[in-house]
PDB file of N, CA and C in Angstrom:
ATOM      1  N   LEU A   1      10.585 157.671 -31.294  1.00  0.00           N
ATOM      2  CA  LEU A   1       9.461 158.137 -32.080  1.00  0.00           C
ATOM      3  C   LEU A   1       9.374 159.658 -32.024  1.00  0.00           C
ATOM      4  N   GLU A   2       9.505 160.194 -30.843  1.00  0.00           N
ATOM      5  CA  GLU A   2       9.414 161.646 -30.695  1.00  0.00           C
ATOM      6  C   GLU A   2      10.515 162.350 -31.491  1.00  0.00           C
ATOM      7  N   ALA A   3      11.701 161.789 -31.469  1.00  0.00           N
ATOM      8  CA  ALA A   3      12.808 162.392 -32.222  1.00  0.00           C
ATOM      9  C   ALA A   3      12.509 162.387 -33.719  1.00  0.00           C
ATOM     10  N   TYR A   4      11.983 161.280 -34.221  1.00  0.00           N
ATOM     11  CA  TYR A   4      11.628 161.222 -35.641  1.00  0.00           C
ATOM     12  C   TYR A   4      10.602 162.297 -36.000  1.00  0.00           C
ATOM     13  N   VAL A   5       9.630 162.470 -35.153  1.00  0.00           N
ATOM     14  CA  VAL A   5       8.591 163.462 -35.430  1.00  0.00           C
ATOM     15  C   VAL A   5       9.197 164.864 -35.424  1.00  0.00           C
ATOM     16  N   HIS A   6      10.037 165.151 -34.429  1.00  0.00           N
ATOM     17  CA  HIS A   6      10.669 166.470 -34.366  1.00  0.00           C
ATOM     18  C   HIS A   6      11.562 166.734 -35.574  1.00  0.00           C
ATOM     19  N   LEU A   7      12.143 165.684 -36.104  1.00  0.00           N
ATOM     20  CA  LEU A   7      13.015 165.832 -37.271  1.00  0.00           C
ATOM     21  C   LEU A   7      12.246 165.755 -38.586  1.00  0.00           C
ATOM     22  N   CYS A   8      10.931 165.671 -38.503  1.00  0.00           N
ATOM     23  CA  CYS A   8      10.053 165.551 -39.678  1.00  0.00           C
ATOM     24  C   CYS A   8      10.369 164.298 -40.500  1.00  0.00           C
ATOM     25  N   ARG A   9      10.827 163.270 -39.849  1.00  0.00           N
ATOM     26  CA  ARG A   9      11.085 161.984 -40.506  1.00  0.00           C
ATOM     27  C   ARG A   9       9.869 161.096 -40.281  1.00  0.00           C
ATOM     28  N   LEU A  10       8.766 161.510 -40.876  1.00  0.00           N
ATOM     29  CA  LEU A  10       7.486 160.861 -40.614  1.00  0.00           C
ATOM     30  C   LEU A  10       7.411 159.453 -41.173  1.00  0.00           C
ATOM     31  N   ASP A  11       8.083 159.187 -42.276  1.00  0.00           N
ATOM     32  CA  ASP A  11       8.103 157.816 -42.802  1.00  0.00           C
ATOM     33  C   ASP A  11       8.834 156.880 -41.846  1.00  0.00           C
ATOM     34  N   ASP A  12       9.934 157.359 -41.273  1.00  0.00           N
ATOM     35  CA  ASP A  12      10.654 156.552 -40.283  1.00  0.00           C
ATOM     36  C   ASP A  12       9.801 156.337 -39.035  1.00  0.00           C
ATOM     37  N   ALA A  13       9.082 157.358 -38.635  1.00  0.00           N
ATOM     38  CA  ALA A  13       8.191 157.233 -37.478  1.00  0.00           C
ATOM     39  C   ALA A  13       7.113 156.188 -37.747  1.00  0.00           C
ATOM     40  N   LYS A  14       6.546 156.227 -38.939  1.00  0.00           N
ATOM     41  CA  LYS A  14       5.508 155.253 -39.297  1.00  0.00           C
ATOM     42  C   LYS A  14       6.063 153.834 -39.254  1.00  0.00           C
ATOM     43  N   ARG A  15       7.268 153.651 -39.808  1.00  0.00           N
ATOM     44  CA  ARG A  15       7.897 152.317 -39.792  1.00  0.00           C
ATOM     45  C   ARG A  15       8.160 151.848 -38.363  1.00  0.00           C
ATOM     46  N   LEU A  16       8.597 152.755 -37.517  1.00  0.00           N
ATOM     47  CA  LEU A  16       8.856 152.407 -36.124  1.00  0.00           C
ATOM     48  C   LEU A  16       7.573 151.955 -35.436  1.00  0.00           C
ATOM     49  N   ILE A  17       6.498 152.693 -35.672  1.00  0.00           N
ATOM     50  CA  ILE A  17       5.203 152.325 -35.081  1.00  0.00           C
ATOM     51  C   ILE A  17       4.758 150.961 -35.579  1.00  0.00           C
ATOM     52  N   GLU A  18       4.886 150.739 -36.879  1.00  0.00           N
ATOM     53  CA  GLU A  18       4.480 149.450 -37.447  1.00  0.00           C
ATOM     54  C   GLU A  18       5.344 148.313 -36.899  1.00  0.00           C
ATOM     55  N   ARG A  19       6.633 148.561 -36.788  1.00  0.00           N
ATOM     56  CA  ARG A  19       7.550 147.521 -36.313  1.00  0.00           C
ATOM     57  C   ARG A  19       7.265 147.127 -34.861  1.00  0.00           C
ATOM     58  N   PHE A  20       6.911 148.109 -34.047  1.00  0.00           N
ATOM     59  CA  PHE A  20       6.701 147.847 -32.622  1.00  0.00           C
ATOM     60  C   PHE A  20       5.239 147.943 -32.218  1.00  0.00           C
ATOM     61  N   ARG A  21       4.329 147.778 -33.175  1.00  0.00           N
ATOM     62  CA  ARG A  21       2.903 147.870 -32.890  1.00  0.00           C
ATOM     63  C   ARG A  21       2.488 146.932 -31.763  1.00  0.00           C
ATOM     64  N   TYR A  22       3.006 145.705 -31.774  1.00  0.00           N
ATOM     65  CA  TYR A  22       2.623 144.739 -30.738  1.00  0.00           C
ATOM     66  C   TYR A  22       3.060 145.214 -29.353  1.00  0.00           C
ATOM     67  N   VAL A  23       4.208 145.859 -29.260  1.00  0.00           N
ATOM     68  CA  VAL A  23       4.681 146.371 -27.975  1.00  0.00           C
ATOM     69  C   VAL A  23       3.789 147.526 -27.514  1.00  0.00           C
ATOM     70  N   ILE A  24       3.450 148.393 -28.441  1.00  0.00           N
ATOM     71  CA  ILE A  24       2.585 149.531 -28.120  1.00  0.00           C
ATOM     72  C   ILE A  24       1.218 149.041 -27.649  1.00  0.00           C
ATOM     73  N   GLU A  25       0.672 148.050 -28.343  1.00  0.00           N
ATOM     74  CA  GLU A  25      -0.633 147.504 -27.945  1.00  0.00           C
ATOM     75  C   GLU A  25      -0.555 146.840 -26.579  1.00  0.00           C
ATOM     76  N   ASP A  26       0.532 146.103 -26.313  1.00  0.00           N
ATOM     77  CA  ASP A  26       0.702 145.482 -25.001  1.00  0.00           C
ATOM     78  C   ASP A  26       0.780 146.526 -23.893  1.00  0.00           C
ATOM     79  N   MET A  27       1.487 147.605 -24.159  1.00  0.00           N
ATOM     80  CA  MET A  27       1.596 148.666 -23.153  1.00  0.00           C
ATOM     81  C   MET A  27       0.238 149.305 -22.893  1.00  0.00           C
ATOM     82  N   ALA A  28      -0.527 149.512 -23.952  1.00  0.00           N
ATOM     83  CA  ALA A  28      -1.844 150.137 -23.801  1.00  0.00           C
ATOM     84  C   ALA A  28      -2.794 149.255 -22.991  1.00  0.00           C
ATOM     85  N   LEU A  29      -2.637 147.946 -23.117  1.00  0.00           N
ATOM     86  CA  LEU A  29      -3.529 147.014 -22.427  1.00  0.00           C
ATOM     87  C   LEU A  29      -2.967 146.510 -21.099  1.00  0.00           C
ATOM     88  N   SER A  30      -1.748 146.889 -20.792  1.00  0.00           N
ATOM     89  CA  SER A  30      -1.053 146.356 -19.631  1.00  0.00           C
ATOM     90  C   SER A  30      -1.784 146.665 -18.335  1.00  0.00           C
ATOM     91  N   LYS A  31      -1.806 145.691 -17.484  1.00  0.00           N
ATOM     92  CA  LYS A  31      -2.379 145.856 -16.145  1.00  0.00           C
ATOM     93  C   LYS A  31      -1.275 145.911 -15.088  1.00  0.00           C
ATOM     94  N   GLU A  32      -0.032 145.918 -15.550  1.00  0.00           N
ATOM     95  CA  GLU A  32       1.085 145.893 -14.614  1.00  0.00           C
ATOM     96  C   GLU A  32       1.230 147.239 -13.919  1.00  0.00           C
ATOM     97  N   PRO A  33       1.336 147.215 -12.595  1.00  0.00           N
ATOM     98  CA  PRO A  33       1.377 148.458 -11.836  1.00  0.00           C
ATOM     99  C   PRO A  33       2.579 149.348 -12.156  1.00  0.00           C
ATOM    100  N   TRP A  34       3.744 148.768 -12.455  1.00  0.00           N
ATOM    101  CA  TRP A  34       4.923 149.606 -12.701  1.00  0.00           C
ATOM    102  C   TRP A  34       4.725 150.495 -13.922  1.00  0.00           C
ATOM    103  N   LEU A  35       4.025 149.986 -14.944  1.00  0.00           N
ATOM    104  CA  LEU A  35       3.795 150.784 -16.142  1.00  0.00           C
ATOM    105  C   LEU A  35       2.844 151.933 -15.830  1.00  0.00           C
ATOM    106  N   LYS A  36       1.813 151.636 -15.066  1.00  0.00           N
ATOM    107  CA  LYS A  36       0.879 152.695 -14.677  1.00  0.00           C
ATOM    108  C   LYS A  36       1.584 153.738 -13.821  1.00  0.00           C
ATOM    109  N   GLN A  37       2.426 153.274 -12.919  1.00  0.00           N
ATOM    110  CA  GLN A  37       3.151 154.198 -12.055  1.00  0.00           C
ATOM    111  C   GLN A  37       4.085 155.079 -12.877  1.00  0.00           C
ATOM    112  N   LYS A  38       4.808 154.494 -13.800  1.00  0.00           N
ATOM    113  CA  LYS A  38       5.712 155.271 -14.642  1.00  0.00           C
ATOM    114  C   LYS A  38       4.939 156.288 -15.471  1.00  0.00           C
ATOM    115  N   THR A  39       3.833 155.862 -16.046  1.00  0.00           N
ATOM    116  CA  THR A  39       3.002 156.764 -16.839  1.00  0.00           C
ATOM    117  C   THR A  39       2.478 157.901 -15.964  1.00  0.00           C
ATOM    118  N   TYR A  40       2.067 157.567 -14.758  1.00  0.00           N
ATOM    119  CA  TYR A  40       1.566 158.574 -13.829  1.00  0.00           C
ATOM    120  C   TYR A  40       2.638 159.614 -13.517  1.00  0.00           C
ATOM    121  N   TRP A  41       3.843 159.157 -13.195  1.00  0.00           N
ATOM    122  CA  TRP A  41       4.908 160.100 -12.858  1.00  0.00           C
ATOM    123  C   TRP A  41       5.368 160.880 -14.074  1.00  0.00           C
ATOM    124  N   ASP A  42       5.331 160.289 -15.249  1.00  0.00           N
ATOM    125  CA  ASP A  42       5.628 161.034 -16.479  1.00  0.00           C
ATOM    126  C   ASP A  42       4.613 162.161 -16.668  1.00  0.00           C
ATOM    127  N   PHE A  43       3.353 161.844 -16.408  1.00  0.00           N
ATOM    128  CA  PHE A  43       2.314 162.865 -16.502  1.00  0.00           C
ATOM    129  C   PHE A  43       2.543 163.969 -15.478  1.00  0.00           C
ATOM    130  N   ARG A  44       2.841 163.585 -14.252  1.00  0.00           N
ATOM    131  CA  ARG A  44       3.056 164.588 -13.203  1.00  0.00           C
ATOM    132  C   ARG A  44       4.218 165.508 -13.544  1.00  0.00           C
ATOM    133  N   TYR A  45       5.269 164.965 -14.132  1.00  0.00           N
ATOM    134  CA  TYR A  45       6.409 165.780 -14.556  1.00  0.00           C
ATOM    135  C   TYR A  45       5.961 166.784 -15.623  1.00  0.00           C
ATOM    136  N   ALA A  46       5.255 166.282 -16.627  1.00  0.00           N
ATOM    137  CA  ALA A  46       4.769 167.160 -17.696  1.00  0.00           C
ATOM    138  C   ALA A  46       3.808 168.210 -17.141  1.00  0.00           C
ATOM    139  N   HIS A  47       2.983 167.820 -16.199  1.00  0.00           N
ATOM    140  CA  HIS A  47       2.035 168.752 -15.594  1.00  0.00           C
ATOM    141  C   HIS A  47       2.765 169.832 -14.799  1.00  0.00           C
ATOM    142  N   ALA A  48       3.809 169.465 -14.107  1.00  0.00           N
ATOM    143  CA  ALA A  48       4.609 170.450 -13.369  1.00  0.00           C
ATOM    144  C   ALA A  48       5.227 171.460 -14.330  1.00  0.00           C
ATOM    145  N   LEU A  49       5.738 170.978 -15.445  1.00  0.00           N
ATOM    146  CA  LEU A  49       6.295 171.887 -16.452  1.00  0.00           C
ATOM    147  C   LEU A  49       5.221 172.836 -16.974  1.00  0.00           C
ATOM    148  N   TYR A  50       4.055 172.275 -17.234  1.00  0.00           N
ATOM    149  CA  TYR A  50       2.919 173.070 -17.700  1.00  0.00           C
ATOM    150  C   TYR A  50       2.592 174.183 -16.702  1.00  0.00           C
ATOM    151  N   GLN A  51       2.523 173.815 -15.438  1.00  0.00           N
ATOM    152  CA  GLN A  51       2.194 174.808 -14.418  1.00  0.00           C
ATOM    153  C   GLN A  51       3.247 175.910 -14.360  1.00  0.00           C
ATOM    154  N   CYS A  52       4.494 175.540 -14.456  1.00  0.00           N
ATOM    155  CA  CYS A  52       5.549 176.555 -14.434  1.00  0.00           C
ATOM    156  C   CYS A  52       5.465 177.460 -15.665  1.00  0.00           C
ATOM    157  N   LYS A  53       5.206 176.878 -16.819  1.00  0.00           N
ATOM    158  CA  LYS A  53       5.067 177.680 -18.041  1.00  0.00           C
ATOM    159  C   LYS A  53       3.875 178.629 -17.958  1.00  0.00           C
ATOM    160  N   ARG A  54       2.827 178.197 -17.265  1.00  0.00           N
ATOM    161  CA  ARG A  54       1.644 179.052 -17.086  1.00  0.00           C
ATOM    162  C   ARG A  54       1.849 180.082 -15.968  1.00  0.00           C
ATOM    163  N   LYS A  55       3.032 180.050 -15.358  1.00  0.00           N
ATOM    164  CA  LYS A  55       3.408 180.972 -14.271  1.00  0.00           C
ATOM    165  C   LYS A  55       2.672 180.676 -12.978  1.00  0.00           C
ATOM    166  N   TRP A  56       2.280 179.412 -12.810  1.00  0.00           N
ATOM    167  CA  TRP A  56       1.720 178.930 -11.551  1.00  0.00           C
ATOM    168  C   TRP A  56       2.877 178.266 -10.800  1.00  0.00           C
ATOM    169  N   PHE A  57       3.823 179.102 -10.429  1.00  0.00           N
ATOM    170  CA  PHE A  57       5.107 178.604  -9.956  1.00  0.00           C
ATOM    171  C   PHE A  57       5.026 177.784  -8.681  1.00  0.00           C
ATOM    172  N   SER A  58       4.240 178.226  -7.713  1.00  0.00           N
ATOM    173  CA  SER A  58       4.181 177.496  -6.449  1.00  0.00           C
ATOM    174  C   SER A  58       3.689 176.063  -6.665  1.00  0.00           C
ATOM    175  N   LYS A  59       2.566 175.928  -7.366  1.00  0.00           N
ATOM    176  CA  LYS A  59       2.026 174.585  -7.640  1.00  0.00           C
ATOM    177  C   LYS A  59       3.003 173.767  -8.486  1.00  0.00           C
ATOM    178  N   GLY A  60       3.543 174.394  -9.508  1.00  0.00           N
ATOM    179  CA  GLY A  60       4.455 173.690 -10.412  1.00  0.00           C
ATOM    180  C   GLY A  60       5.706 173.199  -9.706  1.00  0.00           C
ATOM    181  N   LEU A  61       6.276 174.051  -8.870  1.00  0.00           N
ATOM    182  CA  LEU A  61       7.491 173.650  -8.157  1.00  0.00           C
ATOM    183  C   LEU A  61       7.205 172.570  -7.121  1.00  0.00           C
ATOM    184  N   HIS A  62       6.057 172.671  -6.444  1.00  0.00           N
ATOM    185  CA  HIS A  62       5.682 171.604  -5.505  1.00  0.00           C
ATOM    186  C   HIS A  62       5.559 170.273  -6.238  1.00  0.00           C
ATOM    187  N   GLU A  63       4.867 170.288  -7.351  1.00  0.00           N
ATOM    188  CA  GLU A  63       4.673 169.051  -8.099  1.00  0.00           C
ATOM    189  C   GLU A  63       6.005 168.523  -8.643  1.00  0.00           C
ATOM    190  N   LEU A  64       6.833 169.416  -9.130  1.00  0.00           N
ATOM    191  CA  LEU A  64       8.136 169.032  -9.651  1.00  0.00           C
ATOM    192  C   LEU A  64       8.986 168.372  -8.567  1.00  0.00           C
ATOM    193  N   LEU A  65       8.963 168.937  -7.382  1.00  0.00           N
ATOM    194  CA  LEU A  65       9.738 168.363  -6.279  1.00  0.00           C
ATOM    195  C   LEU A  65       9.141 167.037  -5.806  1.00  0.00           C
ATOM    196  N   ASP A  66       7.826 166.882  -5.884  1.00  0.00           N
ATOM    197  CA  ASP A  66       7.200 165.582  -5.574  1.00  0.00           C
ATOM    198  C   ASP A  66       7.668 164.516  -6.568  1.00  0.00           C
ATOM    199  N   VAL A  67       7.708 164.885  -7.839  1.00  0.00           N
ATOM    200  CA  VAL A  67       8.172 163.945  -8.866  1.00  0.00           C
ATOM    201  C   VAL A  67       9.639 163.607  -8.633  1.00  0.00           C
ATOM    202  N   ALA A  68      10.437 164.600  -8.288  1.00  0.00           N
ATOM    203  CA  ALA A  68      11.855 164.359  -8.014  1.00  0.00           C
ATOM    204  C   ALA A  68      12.023 163.392  -6.850  1.00  0.00           C
ATOM    205  N   ASP A  69      11.222 163.575  -5.813  1.00  0.00           N
ATOM    206  CA  ASP A  69      11.283 162.683  -4.653  1.00  0.00           C
ATOM    207  C   ASP A  69      10.908 161.256  -5.049  1.00  0.00           C
ATOM    208  N   ALA A  70       9.839 161.119  -5.819  1.00  0.00           N
ATOM    209  CA  ALA A  70       9.423 159.784  -6.273  1.00  0.00           C
ATOM    210  C   ALA A  70      10.500 159.166  -7.163  1.00  0.00           C
ATOM    211  N   ALA A  71      11.081 159.968  -8.040  1.00  0.00           N
ATOM    212  CA  ALA A  71      12.142 159.471  -8.925  1.00  0.00           C
ATOM    213  C   ALA A  71      13.329 158.972  -8.106  1.00  0.00           C
ATOM    214  N   ASN A  72      13.667 159.688  -7.068  1.00  0.00           N
ATOM    215  CA  ASN A  72      14.757 159.256  -6.202  1.00  0.00           C
ATOM    216  C   ASN A  72      14.418 157.938  -5.508  1.00  0.00           C
ATOM    217  N   GLN A  73      13.188 157.815  -5.041  1.00  0.00           N
ATOM    218  CA  GLN A  73      12.780 156.596  -4.339  1.00  0.00           C
ATOM    219  C   GLN A  73      12.816 155.371  -5.231  1.00  0.00           C
ATOM    220  N   ILE A  74      12.473 155.538  -6.495  1.00  0.00           N
ATOM    221  CA  ILE A  74      12.474 154.379  -7.403  1.00  0.00           C
ATOM    222  C   ILE A  74      13.780 154.288  -8.204  1.00  0.00           C
ATOM    223  N   ARG A  75      14.731 155.126  -7.839  1.00  0.00           N
ATOM    224  CA  ARG A  75      16.071 155.120  -8.449  1.00  0.00           C
ATOM    225  C   ARG A  75      16.055 155.484  -9.933  1.00  0.00           C
ATOM    226  N   ASN A  76      15.163 156.392 -10.300  1.00  0.00           N
ATOM    227  CA  ASN A  76      15.138 156.905 -11.668  1.00  0.00           C
ATOM    228  C   ASN A  76      15.973 158.186 -11.675  1.00  0.00           C
ATOM    229  N   MET A  77      17.282 158.006 -11.774  1.00  0.00           N
ATOM    230  CA  MET A  77      18.201 159.128 -11.643  1.00  0.00           C
ATOM    231  C   MET A  77      18.093 160.115 -12.801  1.00  0.00           C
ATOM    232  N   GLU A  78      17.734 159.632 -13.966  1.00  0.00           N
ATOM    233  CA  GLU A  78      17.562 160.529 -15.109  1.00  0.00           C
ATOM    234  C   GLU A  78      16.402 161.500 -14.857  1.00  0.00           C
ATOM    235  N   ARG A  79      15.286 160.983 -14.381  1.00  0.00           N
ATOM    236  CA  ARG A  79      14.133 161.841 -14.090  1.00  0.00           C
ATOM    237  C   ARG A  79      14.454 162.779 -12.929  1.00  0.00           C
ATOM    238  N   LEU A  80      15.143 162.272 -11.927  1.00  0.00           N
ATOM    239  CA  LEU A  80      15.539 163.122 -10.806  1.00  0.00           C
ATOM    240  C   LEU A  80      16.375 164.292 -11.307  1.00  0.00           C
ATOM    241  N   LYS A  81      17.347 163.994 -12.147  1.00  0.00           N
ATOM    242  CA  LYS A  81      18.204 165.040 -12.695  1.00  0.00           C
ATOM    243  C   LYS A  81      17.388 166.060 -13.498  1.00  0.00           C
ATOM    244  N   GLN A  82      16.448 165.581 -14.298  1.00  0.00           N
ATOM    245  CA  GLN A  82      15.594 166.489 -15.075  1.00  0.00           C
ATOM    246  C   GLN A  82      14.808 167.419 -14.156  1.00  0.00           C
ATOM    247  N   CYS A  83      14.244 166.848 -13.113  1.00  0.00           N
ATOM    248  CA  CYS A  83      13.452 167.652 -12.175  1.00  0.00           C
ATOM    249  C   CYS A  83      14.306 168.714 -11.496  1.00  0.00           C
ATOM    250  N   LEU A  84      15.491 168.329 -11.065  1.00  0.00           N
ATOM    251  CA  LEU A  84      16.353 169.279 -10.378  1.00  0.00           C
ATOM    252  C   LEU A  84      16.836 170.382 -11.320  1.00  0.00           C
ATOM    253  N   GLN A  85      17.063 170.033 -12.575  1.00  0.00           N
ATOM    254  CA  GLN A  85      17.465 171.052 -13.549  1.00  0.00           C
ATOM    255  C   GLN A  85      16.334 172.042 -13.821  1.00  0.00           C
ATOM    256  N   ILE A  86      15.123 171.533 -13.950  1.00  0.00           N
ATOM    257  CA  ILE A  86      13.984 172.423 -14.173  1.00  0.00           C
ATOM    258  C   ILE A  86      13.747 173.291 -12.934  1.00  0.00           C
ATOM    259  N   TYR A  87      13.867 172.699 -11.766  1.00  0.00           N
ATOM    260  CA  TYR A  87      13.734 173.490 -10.539  1.00  0.00           C
ATOM    261  C   TYR A  87      14.731 174.649 -10.566  1.00  0.00           C
ATOM    262  N   TRP A  88      15.969 174.360 -10.953  1.00  0.00           N
ATOM    263  CA  TRP A  88      17.012 175.383 -10.973  1.00  0.00           C
ATOM    264  C   TRP A  88      16.634 176.537 -11.909  1.00  0.00           C
ATOM    265  N   GLU A  89      15.985 176.218 -13.021  1.00  0.00           N
ATOM    266  CA  GLU A  89      15.535 177.261 -13.955  1.00  0.00           C
ATOM    267  C   GLU A  89      14.529 178.202 -13.300  1.00  0.00           C
ATOM    268  N   TYR A  90      13.679 177.662 -12.433  1.00  0.00           N
ATOM    269  CA  TYR A  90      12.610 178.445 -11.814  1.00  0.00           C
ATOM    270  C   TYR A  90      12.895 178.785 -10.355  1.00  0.00           C
ATOM    271  N   ARG A  91      14.125 178.643  -9.921  1.00  0.00           N
ATOM    272  CA  ARG A  91      14.457 178.823  -8.508  1.00  0.00           C
ATOM    273  C   ARG A  91      14.142 180.221  -7.981  1.00  0.00           C
ATOM    274  N   SER A  92      14.131 181.205  -8.851  1.00  0.00           N
ATOM    275  CA  SER A  92      13.849 182.566  -8.377  1.00  0.00           C
ATOM    276  C   SER A  92      12.399 182.708  -7.894  1.00  0.00           C
ATOM    277  N   TYR A  93      11.539 181.757  -8.247  1.00  0.00           N
ATOM    278  CA  TYR A  93      10.139 181.774  -7.821  1.00  0.00           C
ATOM    279  C   TYR A  93       9.882 180.853  -6.622  1.00  0.00           C
ATOM    280  N   ALA A  94      10.928 180.222  -6.142  1.00  0.00           N
ATOM    281  CA  ALA A  94      10.783 179.244  -5.060  1.00  0.00           C
ATOM    282  C   ALA A  94      10.535 179.935  -3.719  1.00  0.00           C
ATOM    283  N   THR A  95       9.711 179.286  -2.920  1.00  0.00           N
ATOM    284  CA  THR A  95       9.478 179.742  -1.547  1.00  0.00           C
ATOM    285  C   THR A  95      10.491 179.049  -0.642  1.00  0.00           C
ATOM    286  N   ALA A  96      10.497 179.427   0.615  1.00  0.00           N
ATOM    287  CA  ALA A  96      11.383 178.774   1.585  1.00  0.00           C
ATOM    288  C   ALA A  96      11.063 177.284   1.677  1.00  0.00           C
ATOM    289  N   GLU A  97       9.787 176.944   1.582  1.00  0.00           N
ATOM    290  CA  GLU A  97       9.385 175.529   1.628  1.00  0.00           C
ATOM    291  C   GLU A  97       9.946 174.760   0.425  1.00  0.00           C
ATOM    292  N   HIS A  98       9.871 175.368  -0.753  1.00  0.00           N
ATOM    293  CA  HIS A  98      10.451 174.743  -1.948  1.00  0.00           C
ATOM    294  C   HIS A  98      11.950 174.531  -1.762  1.00  0.00           C
ATOM    295  N   GLU A  99      12.618 175.574  -1.283  1.00  0.00           N
ATOM    296  CA  GLU A  99      14.067 175.502  -1.104  1.00  0.00           C
ATOM    297  C   GLU A  99      14.456 174.406  -0.120  1.00  0.00           C
ATOM    298  N   ASP A 100      13.700 174.289   0.979  1.00  0.00           N
ATOM    299  CA  ASP A 100      13.985 173.243   1.972  1.00  0.00           C
ATOM    300  C   ASP A 100      13.856 171.854   1.346  1.00  0.00           C
ATOM    301  N   LYS A 101      12.806 171.661   0.582  1.00  0.00           N
ATOM    302  CA  LYS A 101      12.602 170.352  -0.046  1.00  0.00           C
ATOM    303  C   LYS A 101      13.695 170.067  -1.086  1.00  0.00           C
ATOM    304  N   TYR A 102      14.072 171.092  -1.831  1.00  0.00           N
ATOM    305  CA  TYR A 102      15.147 170.954  -2.821  1.00  0.00           C
ATOM    306  C   TYR A 102      16.462 170.555  -2.147  1.00  0.00           C
ATOM    307  N   ILE A 103      16.798 171.243  -1.065  1.00  0.00           N
ATOM    308  CA  ILE A 103      18.031 170.935  -0.326  1.00  0.00           C
ATOM    309  C   ILE A 103      17.968 169.525   0.244  1.00  0.00           C
ATOM    310  N   GLN A 104      16.800 169.130   0.727  1.00  0.00           N
ATOM    311  CA  GLN A 104      16.620 167.772   1.241  1.00  0.00           C
ATOM    312  C   GLN A 104      16.865 166.746   0.129  1.00  0.00           C
ATOM    313  N   LEU A 105      16.347 167.007  -1.036  1.00  0.00           N
ATOM    314  CA  LEU A 105      16.560 166.093  -2.176  1.00  0.00           C
ATOM    315  C   LEU A 105      18.033 166.020  -2.561  1.00  0.00           C
ATOM    316  N   LEU A 106      18.709 167.139  -2.544  1.00  0.00           N
ATOM    317  CA  LEU A 106      20.146 167.133  -2.857  1.00  0.00           C
ATOM    318  C   LEU A 106      20.922 166.335  -1.816  1.00  0.00           C
ATOM    319  N   SER A 107      20.532 166.453  -0.569  1.00  0.00           N
ATOM    320  CA  SER A 107      21.199 165.718   0.503  1.00  0.00           C
ATOM    321  C   SER A 107      20.974 164.211   0.337  1.00  0.00           C
ATOM    322  N   ILE A 108      19.752 163.832   0.000  1.00  0.00           N
ATOM    323  CA  ILE A 108      19.444 162.413  -0.217  1.00  0.00           C
ATOM    324  C   ILE A 108      20.243 161.896  -1.388  1.00  0.00           C
ATOM    325  N   LYS A 109      20.288 162.662  -2.467  1.00  0.00           N
ATOM    326  CA  LYS A 109      21.000 162.249  -3.669  1.00  0.00           C
ATOM    327  C   LYS A 109      22.479 162.012  -3.365  1.00  0.00           C
ATOM    328  N   GLU A 110      23.081 162.889  -2.580  1.00  0.00           N
ATOM    329  CA  GLU A 110      24.493 162.760  -2.257  1.00  0.00           C
ATOM    330  C   GLU A 110      24.774 161.530  -1.403  1.00  0.00           C
ATOM    331  N   CYS A 111      23.825 161.160  -0.552  1.00  0.00           N
ATOM    332  CA  CYS A 111      24.023 160.006   0.337  1.00  0.00           C
ATOM    333  C   CYS A 111      23.856 158.691  -0.399  1.00  0.00           C
ATOM    334  N   ASN A 112      23.103 158.688  -1.495  1.00  0.00           N
ATOM    335  CA  ASN A 112      22.833 157.430  -2.208  1.00  0.00           C
ATOM    336  C   ASN A 112      23.926 157.094  -3.097  1.00  0.00           C
TER     337      ASN A 112
END
């Protein structure tokens, strides 16, 4: 859906929404914890990016590394990779504490 919107293919986006409306409604009403957890971590990732863009680097990097750690624990390697790549972009603003946590995450990733 996001790709369609970015490509200004709004008719295709509308059809996609209509086709999967029941899935979207089920997700909105879902009481399943995994969906809430995924949504929560997606938000935290976006919030970390927001903080970094606002130049609140310490908070943003801490949150980003927390999301990376959670992604590693639940085996979401794509999200882990995204977090580590974003961290690398902002590494010049990292404190020693950030660097230690980053190195720890890399060590965990290599062992898994």
